[in-house]
């Protein structure tokens, strides 16, 4: 993942994230449940490339083309009203996020 970011290779980044998601689902069945799978599917249908669960499954990170970000966020909000969608971007100081409600 680090190598893909340093090279600016976002295609490789989403391939790494997707394979990480698949590996986590195969090795830790308690990490993924029907609700998380549906959230993932809805995001991918709306244009997200991939996702990653952070921590104990309380936070999902989606990688998407900036042009599809709004569609992904709207799709997630329609399906999962209790979730909060944050945006982030990479800076020389690292990743920054903010609430985009």
PDB file of N, CA and C in Angstrom:
ATOM      1  N   UNK A   1       0.825  -1.181   0.000  1.00  0.00           N
ATOM      2  CA  UNK A   1       0.000   0.000   0.000  1.00  0.00           C
ATOM      3  C   UNK A   1       0.875   1.254   0.000  1.00  0.00           C
ATOM      4  N   UNK A   2       1.883   1.254   0.848  1.00  0.00           N
ATOM      5  CA  UNK A   2       2.776   2.408   0.931  1.00  0.00           C
ATOM      6  C   UNK A   2       3.460   2.658  -0.407  1.00  0.00           C
ATOM      7  N   UNK A   3       3.934   1.601  -1.029  1.00  0.00           N
ATOM      8  CA  UNK A   3       4.625   1.731  -2.315  1.00  0.00           C
ATOM      9  C   UNK A   3       3.707   2.335  -3.375  1.00  0.00           C
ATOM     10  N   UNK A   4       2.462   1.894  -3.420  1.00  0.00           N
ATOM     11  CA  UNK A   4       1.533   2.425  -4.415  1.00  0.00           C
ATOM     12  C   UNK A   4       1.268   3.908  -4.172  1.00  0.00           C
ATOM     13  N   UNK A   5       1.184   4.318  -2.912  1.00  0.00           N
ATOM     14  CA  UNK A   5       0.976   5.735  -2.605  1.00  0.00           C
ATOM     15  C   UNK A   5       2.200   6.572  -2.986  1.00  0.00           C
ATOM     16  N   UNK A   6       3.384   6.063  -2.661  1.00  0.00           N
ATOM     17  CA  UNK A   6       4.599   6.805  -2.981  1.00  0.00           C
ATOM     18  C   UNK A   6       4.774   6.977  -4.488  1.00  0.00           C
ATOM     19  N   UNK A   7       4.333   5.987  -5.264  1.00  0.00           N
ATOM     20  CA  UNK A   7       4.431   6.067  -6.722  1.00  0.00           C
ATOM     21  C   UNK A   7       3.247   6.800  -7.347  1.00  0.00           C
ATOM     22  N   UNK A   8       2.215   7.089  -6.558  1.00  0.00           N
ATOM     23  CA  UNK A   8       1.018   7.709  -7.102  1.00  0.00           C
ATOM     24  C   UNK A   8       0.233   6.752  -7.978  1.00  0.00           C
ATOM     25  N   UNK A   9       0.373   5.465  -7.718  1.00  0.00           N
ATOM     26  CA  UNK A   9      -0.283   4.426  -8.513  1.00  0.00           C
ATOM     27  C   UNK A   9      -1.586   4.020  -7.822  1.00  0.00           C
ATOM     28  N   UNK A  10      -2.655   4.756  -8.100  1.00  0.00           N
ATOM     29  CA  UNK A  10      -3.918   4.508  -7.416  1.00  0.00           C
ATOM     30  C   UNK A  10      -4.606   3.237  -7.890  1.00  0.00           C
ATOM     31  N   UNK A  11      -4.320   2.805  -9.101  1.00  0.00           N
ATOM     32  CA  UNK A  11      -4.865   1.516  -9.562  1.00  0.00           C
ATOM     33  C   UNK A  11      -4.285   0.392  -8.705  1.00  0.00           C
ATOM     34  N   UNK A  12      -2.987   0.426  -8.466  1.00  0.00           N
ATOM     35  CA  UNK A  12      -2.358  -0.579  -7.601  1.00  0.00           C
ATOM     36  C   UNK A  12      -2.903  -0.445  -6.176  1.00  0.00           C
ATOM     37  N   UNK A  13      -3.113   0.777  -5.712  1.00  0.00           N
ATOM     38  CA  UNK A  13      -3.651   0.984  -4.365  1.00  0.00           C
ATOM     39  C   UNK A  13      -5.001   0.305  -4.209  1.00  0.00           C
ATOM     40  N   UNK A  14      -5.895   0.484  -5.175  1.00  0.00           N
ATOM     41  CA  UNK A  14      -7.200  -0.149  -5.000  1.00  0.00           C
ATOM     42  C   UNK A  14      -7.114  -1.656  -5.188  1.00  0.00           C
ATOM     43  N   UNK A  15      -6.165  -2.162  -5.976  1.00  0.00           N
ATOM     44  CA  UNK A  15      -5.975  -3.608  -6.073  1.00  0.00           C
ATOM     45  C   UNK A  15      -5.481  -4.178  -4.739  1.00  0.00           C
ATOM     46  N   UNK A  16      -4.559  -3.465  -4.095  1.00  0.00           N
ATOM     47  CA  UNK A  16      -4.044  -3.900  -2.790  1.00  0.00           C
ATOM     48  C   UNK A  16      -5.155  -3.861  -1.750  1.00  0.00           C
ATOM     49  N   UNK A  17      -5.943  -2.787  -1.745  1.00  0.00           N
ATOM     50  CA  UNK A  17      -7.039  -2.688  -0.778  1.00  0.00           C
ATOM     51  C   UNK A  17      -8.080  -3.774  -1.011  1.00  0.00           C
ATOM     52  N   UNK A  18      -8.396  -4.051  -2.270  1.00  0.00           N
ATOM     53  CA  UNK A  18      -9.395  -5.077  -2.574  1.00  0.00           C
ATOM     54  C   UNK A  18      -8.892  -6.460  -2.146  1.00  0.00           C
ATOM     55  N   UNK A  19      -7.625  -6.767  -2.416  1.00  0.00           N
ATOM     56  CA  UNK A  19      -7.111  -8.082  -2.008  1.00  0.00           C
ATOM     57  C   UNK A  19      -7.027  -8.182  -0.490  1.00  0.00           C
ATOM     58  N   UNK A  20      -6.749  -7.068   0.179  1.00  0.00           N
ATOM     59  CA  UNK A  20      -6.733  -7.051   1.644  1.00  0.00           C
ATOM     60  C   UNK A  20      -8.128  -7.328   2.192  1.00  0.00           C
ATOM     61  N   UNK A  21      -9.147  -6.720   1.574  1.00  0.00           N
ATOM     62  CA  UNK A  21     -10.544  -6.947   1.973  1.00  0.00           C
ATOM     63  C   UNK A  21     -10.902  -8.423   1.801  1.00  0.00           C
ATOM     64  N   UNK A  22     -10.559  -8.972   0.636  1.00  0.00           N
ATOM     65  CA  UNK A  22     -10.872 -10.382   0.369  1.00  0.00           C
ATOM     66  C   UNK A  22     -10.171 -11.308   1.363  1.00  0.00           C
ATOM     67  N   UNK A  23      -8.912 -11.015   1.669  1.00  0.00           N
ATOM     68  CA  UNK A  23      -8.162 -11.846   2.622  1.00  0.00           C
ATOM     69  C   UNK A  23      -8.759 -11.760   4.014  1.00  0.00           C
ATOM     70  N   UNK A  24      -9.139 -10.564   4.419  1.00  0.00           N
ATOM     71  CA  UNK A  24      -9.726 -10.386   5.756  1.00  0.00           C
ATOM     72  C   UNK A  24     -11.044 -11.152   5.856  1.00  0.00           C
ATOM     73  N   UNK A  25     -11.853 -11.108   4.803  1.00  0.00           N
ATOM     74  CA  UNK A  25     -13.125 -11.839   4.802  1.00  0.00           C
ATOM     75  C   UNK A  25     -12.901 -13.344   4.896  1.00  0.00           C
ATOM     76  N   UNK A  26     -11.863 -13.849   4.260  1.00  0.00           N
ATOM     77  CA  UNK A  26     -11.592 -15.287   4.302  1.00  0.00           C
ATOM     78  C   UNK A  26     -11.025 -15.742   5.645  1.00  0.00           C
ATOM     79  N   UNK A  27     -10.223 -14.911   6.282  1.00  0.00           N
ATOM     80  CA  UNK A  27      -9.529 -15.339   7.498  1.00  0.00           C
ATOM     81  C   UNK A  27     -10.233 -14.965   8.790  1.00  0.00           C
ATOM     82  N   UNK A  28     -11.109 -13.974   8.741  1.00  0.00           N
ATOM     83  CA  UNK A  28     -11.758 -13.510   9.971  1.00  0.00           C
ATOM     84  C   UNK A  28     -13.248 -13.316   9.702  1.00  0.00           C
ATOM     85  N   UNK A  29     -13.994 -14.389   9.744  1.00  0.00           N
ATOM     86  CA  UNK A  29     -15.418 -14.329   9.402  1.00  0.00           C
ATOM     87  C   UNK A  29     -16.209 -13.412  10.333  1.00  0.00           C
ATOM     88  N   UNK A  30     -15.746 -13.198  11.556  1.00  0.00           N
ATOM     89  CA  UNK A  30     -16.465 -12.328  12.489  1.00  0.00           C
ATOM     90  C   UNK A  30     -16.335 -10.851  12.105  1.00  0.00           C
ATOM     91  N   UNK A  31     -15.365 -10.519  11.271  1.00  0.00           N
ATOM     92  CA  UNK A  31     -15.154  -9.133  10.854  1.00  0.00           C
ATOM     93  C   UNK A  31     -16.284  -8.659   9.953  1.00  0.00           C
ATOM     94  N   UNK A  32     -16.758  -9.544   9.089  1.00  0.00           N
ATOM     95  CA  UNK A  32     -17.748  -9.175   8.085  1.00  0.00           C
ATOM     96  C   UNK A  32     -19.071  -9.851   8.399  1.00  0.00           C
ATOM     97  N   UNK A  33     -20.129  -9.062   8.344  1.00  0.00           N
ATOM     98  CA  UNK A  33     -21.468  -9.620   8.510  1.00  0.00           C
ATOM     99  C   UNK A  33     -22.328  -9.169   7.324  1.00  0.00           C
ATOM    100  N   UNK A  34     -23.579  -9.568   7.325  1.00  0.00           N
ATOM    101  CA  UNK A  34     -24.466  -9.255   6.202  1.00  0.00           C
ATOM    102  C   UNK A  34     -24.602  -7.743   5.984  1.00  0.00           C
ATOM    103  N   UNK A  35     -24.691  -6.988   7.055  1.00  0.00           N
ATOM    104  CA  UNK A  35     -24.837  -5.527   6.961  1.00  0.00           C
ATOM    105  C   UNK A  35     -23.603  -4.892   6.326  1.00  0.00           C
ATOM    106  N   UNK A  36     -22.424  -5.313   6.767  1.00  0.00           N
ATOM    107  CA  UNK A  36     -21.184  -4.774   6.213  1.00  0.00           C
ATOM    108  C   UNK A  36     -21.048  -5.157   4.744  1.00  0.00           C
ATOM    109  N   UNK A  37     -21.382  -6.384   4.411  1.00  0.00           N
ATOM    110  CA  UNK A  37     -21.335  -6.828   3.013  1.00  0.00           C
ATOM    111  C   UNK A  37     -22.271  -5.983   2.148  1.00  0.00           C
ATOM    112  N   UNK A  38     -23.461  -5.672   2.649  1.00  0.00           N
ATOM    113  CA  UNK A  38     -24.416  -4.874   1.882  1.00  0.00           C
ATOM    114  C   UNK A  38     -23.903  -3.448   1.697  1.00  0.00           C
ATOM    115  N   UNK A  39     -23.319  -2.874   2.738  1.00  0.00           N
ATOM    116  CA  UNK A  39     -22.751  -1.529   2.631  1.00  0.00           C
ATOM    117  C   UNK A  39     -21.654  -1.530   1.566  1.00  0.00           C
ATOM    118  N   UNK A  40     -20.795  -2.536   1.597  1.00  0.00           N
ATOM    119  CA  UNK A  40     -19.723  -2.663   0.611  1.00  0.00           C
ATOM    120  C   UNK A  40     -20.310  -2.765  -0.801  1.00  0.00           C
ATOM    121  N   UNK A  41     -21.294  -3.626  -0.980  1.00  0.00           N
ATOM    122  CA  UNK A  41     -21.910  -3.817  -2.301  1.00  0.00           C
ATOM    123  C   UNK A  41     -22.545  -2.530  -2.817  1.00  0.00           C
ATOM    124  N   UNK A  42     -23.269  -1.815  -1.954  1.00  0.00           N
ATOM    125  CA  UNK A  42     -23.906  -0.564  -2.366  1.00  0.00           C
ATOM    126  C   UNK A  42     -22.866   0.467  -2.802  1.00  0.00           C
ATOM    127  N   UNK A  43     -21.768   0.549  -2.080  1.00  0.00           N
ATOM    128  CA  UNK A  43     -20.712   1.505  -2.429  1.00  0.00           C
ATOM    129  C   UNK A  43     -20.070   1.143  -3.763  1.00  0.00           C
ATOM    130  N   UNK A  44     -19.773  -0.126  -3.978  1.00  0.00           N
ATOM    131  CA  UNK A  44     -19.163  -0.565  -5.236  1.00  0.00           C
ATOM    132  C   UNK A  44     -20.126  -0.342  -6.402  1.00  0.00           C
ATOM    133  N   UNK A  45     -21.404  -0.641  -6.198  1.00  0.00           N
ATOM    134  CA  UNK A  45     -22.406  -0.401  -7.247  1.00  0.00           C
ATOM    135  C   UNK A  45     -22.454   1.081  -7.633  1.00  0.00           C
ATOM    136  N   UNK A  46     -22.212   1.962  -6.671  1.00  0.00           N
ATOM    137  CA  UNK A  46     -22.259   3.404  -6.923  1.00  0.00           C
ATOM    138  C   UNK A  46     -20.945   3.952  -7.471  1.00  0.00           C
ATOM    139  N   UNK A  47     -19.897   3.121  -7.505  1.00  0.00           N
ATOM    140  CA  UNK A  47     -18.647   3.576  -8.107  1.00  0.00           C
ATOM    141  C   UNK A  47     -17.393   3.452  -7.265  1.00  0.00           C
ATOM    142  N   UNK A  48     -17.494   2.988  -6.024  1.00  0.00           N
ATOM    143  CA  UNK A  48     -16.290   2.798  -5.213  1.00  0.00           C
ATOM    144  C   UNK A  48     -15.462   1.658  -5.798  1.00  0.00           C
ATOM    145  N   UNK A  49     -14.158   1.787  -5.763  1.00  0.00           N
ATOM    146  CA  UNK A  49     -13.275   0.728  -6.247  1.00  0.00           C
ATOM    147  C   UNK A  49     -13.155  -0.405  -5.243  1.00  0.00           C
ATOM    148  N   UNK A  50     -13.072  -0.038  -3.974  1.00  0.00           N
ATOM    149  CA  UNK A  50     -12.826  -1.032  -2.938  1.00  0.00           C
ATOM    150  C   UNK A  50     -13.081  -0.403  -1.576  1.00  0.00           C
ATOM    151  N   UNK A  51     -12.936  -1.224  -0.542  1.00  0.00           N
ATOM    152  CA  UNK A  51     -13.141  -0.749   0.821  1.00  0.00           C
ATOM    153  C   UNK A  51     -12.192  -1.466   1.761  1.00  0.00           C
ATOM    154  N   UNK A  52     -12.055  -0.911   2.929  1.00  0.00           N
ATOM    155  CA  UNK A  52     -11.272  -1.547   3.985  1.00  0.00           C
ATOM    156  C   UNK A  52     -11.956  -1.222   5.302  1.00  0.00           C
ATOM    157  N   UNK A  53     -12.010  -2.202   6.170  1.00  0.00           N
ATOM    158  CA  UNK A  53     -12.567  -1.990   7.501  1.00  0.00           C
ATOM    159  C   UNK A  53     -11.420  -1.622   8.423  1.00  0.00           C
ATOM    160  N   UNK A  54     -11.645  -0.626   9.240  1.00  0.00           N
ATOM    161  CA  UNK A  54     -10.634  -0.196  10.194  1.00  0.00           C
ATOM    162  C   UNK A  54     -11.119  -0.523  11.601  1.00  0.00           C
ATOM    163  N   UNK A  55     -10.203  -0.916  12.438  1.00  0.00           N
ATOM    164  CA  UNK A  55     -10.556  -1.228  13.818  1.00  0.00           C
ATOM    165  C   UNK A  55     -11.428  -2.463  13.905  1.00  0.00           C
ATOM    166  N   UNK A  56     -12.442  -2.416  14.746  1.00  0.00           N
ATOM    167  CA  UNK A  56     -13.323  -3.567  14.971  1.00  0.00           C
ATOM    168  C   UNK A  56     -14.561  -3.509  14.082  1.00  0.00           C
ATOM    169  N   UNK A  57     -14.429  -2.957  12.891  1.00  0.00           N
ATOM    170  CA  UNK A  57     -15.545  -2.922  11.961  1.00  0.00           C
ATOM    171  C   UNK A  57     -16.445  -1.718  12.111  1.00  0.00           C
ATOM    172  N   UNK A  58     -16.046  -0.730  12.883  1.00  0.00           N
ATOM    173  CA  UNK A  58     -16.877   0.443  13.084  1.00  0.00           C
ATOM    174  C   UNK A  58     -16.632   1.551  12.083  1.00  0.00           C
ATOM    175  N   UNK A  59     -15.639   1.364  11.227  1.00  0.00           N
ATOM    176  CA  UNK A  59     -15.262   2.420  10.282  1.00  0.00           C
ATOM    177  C   UNK A  59     -14.854   1.758   8.982  1.00  0.00           C
ATOM    178  N   UNK A  60     -15.455   2.168   7.872  1.00  0.00           N
ATOM    179  CA  UNK A  60     -15.091   1.630   6.565  1.00  0.00           C
ATOM    180  C   UNK A  60     -14.508   2.757   5.718  1.00  0.00           C
ATOM    181  N   UNK A  61     -13.424   2.432   5.047  1.00  0.00           N
ATOM    182  CA  UNK A  61     -12.750   3.373   4.164  1.00  0.00           C
ATOM    183  C   UNK A  61     -13.012   2.918   2.733  1.00  0.00           C
ATOM    184  N   UNK A  62     -13.515   3.821   1.890  1.00  0.00           N
ATOM    185  CA  UNK A  62     -13.770   3.502   0.493  1.00  0.00           C
ATOM    186  C   UNK A  62     -12.832   4.313  -0.385  1.00  0.00           C
ATOM    187  N   UNK A  63     -12.275   3.675  -1.380  1.00  0.00           N
ATOM    188  CA  UNK A  63     -11.457   4.362  -2.366  1.00  0.00           C
ATOM    189  C   UNK A  63     -12.301   4.509  -3.623  1.00  0.00           C
ATOM    190  N   UNK A  64     -12.447   5.741  -4.080  1.00  0.00           N
ATOM    191  CA  UNK A  64     -13.292   6.000  -5.240  1.00  0.00           C
ATOM    192  C   UNK A  64     -12.708   7.121  -6.083  1.00  0.00           C
ATOM    193  N   UNK A  65     -13.076   7.141  -7.321  1.00  0.00           N
ATOM    194  CA  UNK A  65     -12.719   8.244  -8.202  1.00  0.00           C
ATOM    195  C   UNK A  65     -13.399   9.496  -7.655  1.00  0.00           C
ATOM    196  N   UNK A  66     -12.697  10.619  -7.586  1.00  0.00           N
ATOM    197  CA  UNK A  66     -13.317  11.829  -7.053  1.00  0.00           C
ATOM    198  C   UNK A  66     -14.619  12.213  -7.770  1.00  0.00           C
ATOM    199  N   UNK A  67     -14.732  11.873  -9.044  1.00  0.00           N
ATOM    200  CA  UNK A  67     -15.942  12.182  -9.803  1.00  0.00           C
ATOM    201  C   UNK A  67     -17.129  11.321  -9.356  1.00  0.00           C
ATOM    202  N   UNK A  68     -16.886  10.199  -8.683  1.00  0.00           N
ATOM    203  CA  UNK A  68     -17.949   9.295  -8.220  1.00  0.00           C
ATOM    204  C   UNK A  68     -18.216   9.434  -6.726  1.00  0.00           C
ATOM    205  N   UNK A  69     -17.418  10.229  -6.034  1.00  0.00           N
ATOM    206  CA  UNK A  69     -17.525  10.354  -4.577  1.00  0.00           C
ATOM    207  C   UNK A  69     -18.941  10.715  -4.131  1.00  0.00           C
ATOM    208  N   UNK A  70     -19.550  11.678  -4.805  1.00  0.00           N
ATOM    209  CA  UNK A  70     -20.896  12.115  -4.428  1.00  0.00           C
ATOM    210  C   UNK A  70     -21.904  10.983  -4.587  1.00  0.00           C
ATOM    211  N   UNK A  71     -21.806  10.214  -5.663  1.00  0.00           N
ATOM    212  CA  UNK A  71     -22.739   9.108  -5.894  1.00  0.00           C
ATOM    213  C   UNK A  71     -22.582   8.021  -4.833  1.00  0.00           C
ATOM    214  N   UNK A  72     -21.347   7.741  -4.469  1.00  0.00           N
ATOM    215  CA  UNK A  72     -21.095   6.736  -3.429  1.00  0.00           C
ATOM    216  C   UNK A  72     -21.684   7.217  -2.108  1.00  0.00           C
ATOM    217  N   UNK A  73     -21.416   8.457  -1.740  1.00  0.00           N
ATOM    218  CA  UNK A  73     -21.933   9.006  -0.481  1.00  0.00           C
ATOM    219  C   UNK A  73     -23.455   9.007  -0.463  1.00  0.00           C
ATOM    220  N   UNK A  74     -24.084   9.417  -1.549  1.00  0.00           N
ATOM    221  CA  UNK A  74     -25.549   9.438  -1.608  1.00  0.00           C
ATOM    222  C   UNK A  74     -26.134   8.033  -1.509  1.00  0.00           C
ATOM    223  N   UNK A  75     -25.507   7.089  -2.171  1.00  0.00           N
ATOM    224  CA  UNK A  75     -25.975   5.702  -2.113  1.00  0.00           C
ATOM    225  C   UNK A  75     -25.893   5.166  -0.686  1.00  0.00           C
ATOM    226  N   UNK A  76     -24.791   5.444  -0.022  1.00  0.00           N
ATOM    227  CA  UNK A  76     -24.630   4.970   1.359  1.00  0.00           C
ATOM    228  C   UNK A  76     -25.620   5.648   2.292  1.00  0.00           C
ATOM    229  N   UNK A  77     -25.847   6.932   2.105  1.00  0.00           N
ATOM    230  CA  UNK A  77     -26.809   7.645   2.959  1.00  0.00           C
ATOM    231  C   UNK A  77     -28.233   7.125   2.765  1.00  0.00           C
ATOM    232  N   UNK A  78     -28.602   6.792   1.522  1.00  0.00           N
ATOM    233  CA  UNK A  78     -29.948   6.268   1.273  1.00  0.00           C
ATOM    234  C   UNK A  78     -30.136   4.907   1.926  1.00  0.00           C
ATOM    235  N   UNK A  79     -29.099   4.096   1.916  1.00  0.00           N
ATOM    236  CA  UNK A  79     -29.232   2.743   2.431  1.00  0.00           C
ATOM    237  C   UNK A  79     -28.988   2.669   3.929  1.00  0.00           C
ATOM    238  N   UNK A  80     -28.053   3.427   4.436  1.00  0.00           N
ATOM    239  CA  UNK A  80     -27.647   3.355   5.846  1.00  0.00           C
ATOM    240  C   UNK A  80     -27.714   4.751   6.438  1.00  0.00           C
ATOM    241  N   UNK A  81     -28.869   5.128   6.949  1.00  0.00           N
ATOM    242  CA  UNK A  81     -29.099   6.484   7.431  1.00  0.00           C
ATOM    243  C   UNK A  81     -28.286   6.838   8.670  1.00  0.00           C
ATOM    244  N   UNK A  82     -27.856   5.850   9.436  1.00  0.00           N
ATOM    245  CA  UNK A  82     -27.144   6.152  10.678  1.00  0.00           C
ATOM    246  C   UNK A  82     -25.657   6.389  10.454  1.00  0.00           C
ATOM    247  N   UNK A  83     -25.154   6.087   9.284  1.00  0.00           N
ATOM    248  CA  UNK A  83     -23.729   6.259   9.012  1.00  0.00           C
ATOM    249  C   UNK A  83     -23.372   7.712   8.762  1.00  0.00           C
ATOM    250  N   UNK A  84     -22.127   8.022   8.944  1.00  0.00           N
ATOM    251  CA  UNK A  84     -21.598   9.357   8.677  1.00  0.00           C
ATOM    252  C   UNK A  84     -20.558   9.210   7.567  1.00  0.00           C
ATOM    253  N   UNK A  85     -20.672  10.020   6.543  1.00  0.00           N
ATOM    254  CA  UNK A  85     -19.730   9.984   5.425  1.00  0.00           C
ATOM    255  C   UNK A  85     -18.729  11.116   5.604  1.00  0.00           C
ATOM    256  N   UNK A  86     -17.457  10.774   5.589  1.00  0.00           N
ATOM    257  CA  UNK A  86     -16.379  11.747   5.677  1.00  0.00           C
ATOM    258  C   UNK A  86     -15.621  11.763   4.356  1.00  0.00           C
ATOM    259  N   UNK A  87     -15.078  12.897   4.012  1.00  0.00           N
ATOM    260  CA  UNK A  87     -14.184  12.991   2.869  1.00  0.00           C
ATOM    261  C   UNK A  87     -12.764  13.078   3.394  1.00  0.00           C
ATOM    262  N   UNK A  88     -11.833  12.696   2.571  1.00  0.00           N
ATOM    263  CA  UNK A  88     -10.429  12.872   2.945  1.00  0.00           C
ATOM    264  C   UNK A  88      -9.624  13.126   1.687  1.00  0.00           C
ATOM    265  N   UNK A  89      -8.443  13.623   1.871  1.00  0.00           N
ATOM    266  CA  UNK A  89      -7.505  13.799   0.767  1.00  0.00           C
ATOM    267  C   UNK A  89      -6.095  13.687   1.316  1.00  0.00           C
ATOM    268  N   UNK A  90      -5.164  13.453   0.434  1.00  0.00           N
ATOM    269  CA  UNK A  90      -3.775  13.327   0.842  1.00  0.00           C
ATOM    270  C   UNK A  90      -3.088  14.677   0.716  1.00  0.00           C
ATOM    271  N   UNK A  91      -2.300  14.994   1.737  1.00  0.00           N
ATOM    272  CA  UNK A  91      -1.542  16.239   1.743  1.00  0.00           C
ATOM    273  C   UNK A  91      -0.104  15.912   2.120  1.00  0.00           C
ATOM    274  N   UNK A  92       0.744  16.897   2.057  1.00  0.00           N
ATOM    275  CA  UNK A  92       2.129  16.655   2.471  1.00  0.00           C
ATOM    276  C   UNK A  92       2.225  16.376   3.965  1.00  0.00           C
ATOM    277  N   UNK A  93       1.170  16.737   4.715  1.00  0.00           N
ATOM    278  CA  UNK A  93       1.131  16.492   6.162  1.00  0.00           C
ATOM    279  C   UNK A  93       0.463  15.162   6.503  1.00  0.00           C
ATOM    280  N   UNK A  94      -0.013  14.418   5.473  1.00  0.00           N
ATOM    281  CA  UNK A  94      -0.701  13.147   5.722  1.00  0.00           C
ATOM    282  C   UNK A  94      -2.163  13.257   5.335  1.00  0.00           C
ATOM    283  N   UNK A  95      -2.948  12.248   5.687  1.00  0.00           N
ATOM    284  CA  UNK A  95      -4.379  12.247   5.354  1.00  0.00           C
ATOM    285  C   UNK A  95      -5.130  13.153   6.322  1.00  0.00           C
ATOM    286  N   UNK A  96      -6.093  13.896   5.806  1.00  0.00           N
ATOM    287  CA  UNK A  96      -6.956  14.737   6.621  1.00  0.00           C
ATOM    288  C   UNK A  96      -8.382  14.379   6.290  1.00  0.00           C
ATOM    289  N   UNK A  97      -9.270  14.445   7.266  1.00  0.00           N
ATOM    290  CA  UNK A  97     -10.680  14.118   7.028  1.00  0.00           C
ATOM    291  C   UNK A  97     -11.553  15.166   7.688  1.00  0.00           C
ATOM    292  N   UNK A  98     -12.755  15.305   7.175  1.00  0.00           N
ATOM    293  CA  UNK A  98     -13.729  16.208   7.764  1.00  0.00           C
ATOM    294  C   UNK A  98     -15.124  15.681   7.477  1.00  0.00           C
ATOM    295  N   UNK A  99     -16.075  16.107   8.254  1.00  0.00           N
ATOM    296  CA  UNK A  99     -17.468  15.682   8.087  1.00  0.00           C
ATOM    297  C   UNK A  99     -18.079  16.466   6.936  1.00  0.00           C
ATOM    298  N   UNK A 100     -18.722  15.749   5.995  1.00  0.00           N
ATOM    299  CA  UNK A 100     -19.288  16.466   4.835  1.00  0.00           C
ATOM    300  C   UNK A 100     -20.811  16.346   4.822  1.00  0.00           C
ATOM    301  N   UNK A 101     -21.427  16.437   5.948  1.00  0.00           N
ATOM    302  CA  UNK A 101     -22.896  16.376   6.031  1.00  0.00           C
ATOM    303  C   UNK A 101     -23.532  17.571   5.417  1.00  0.00           C
TER     304      UNK A 101
END
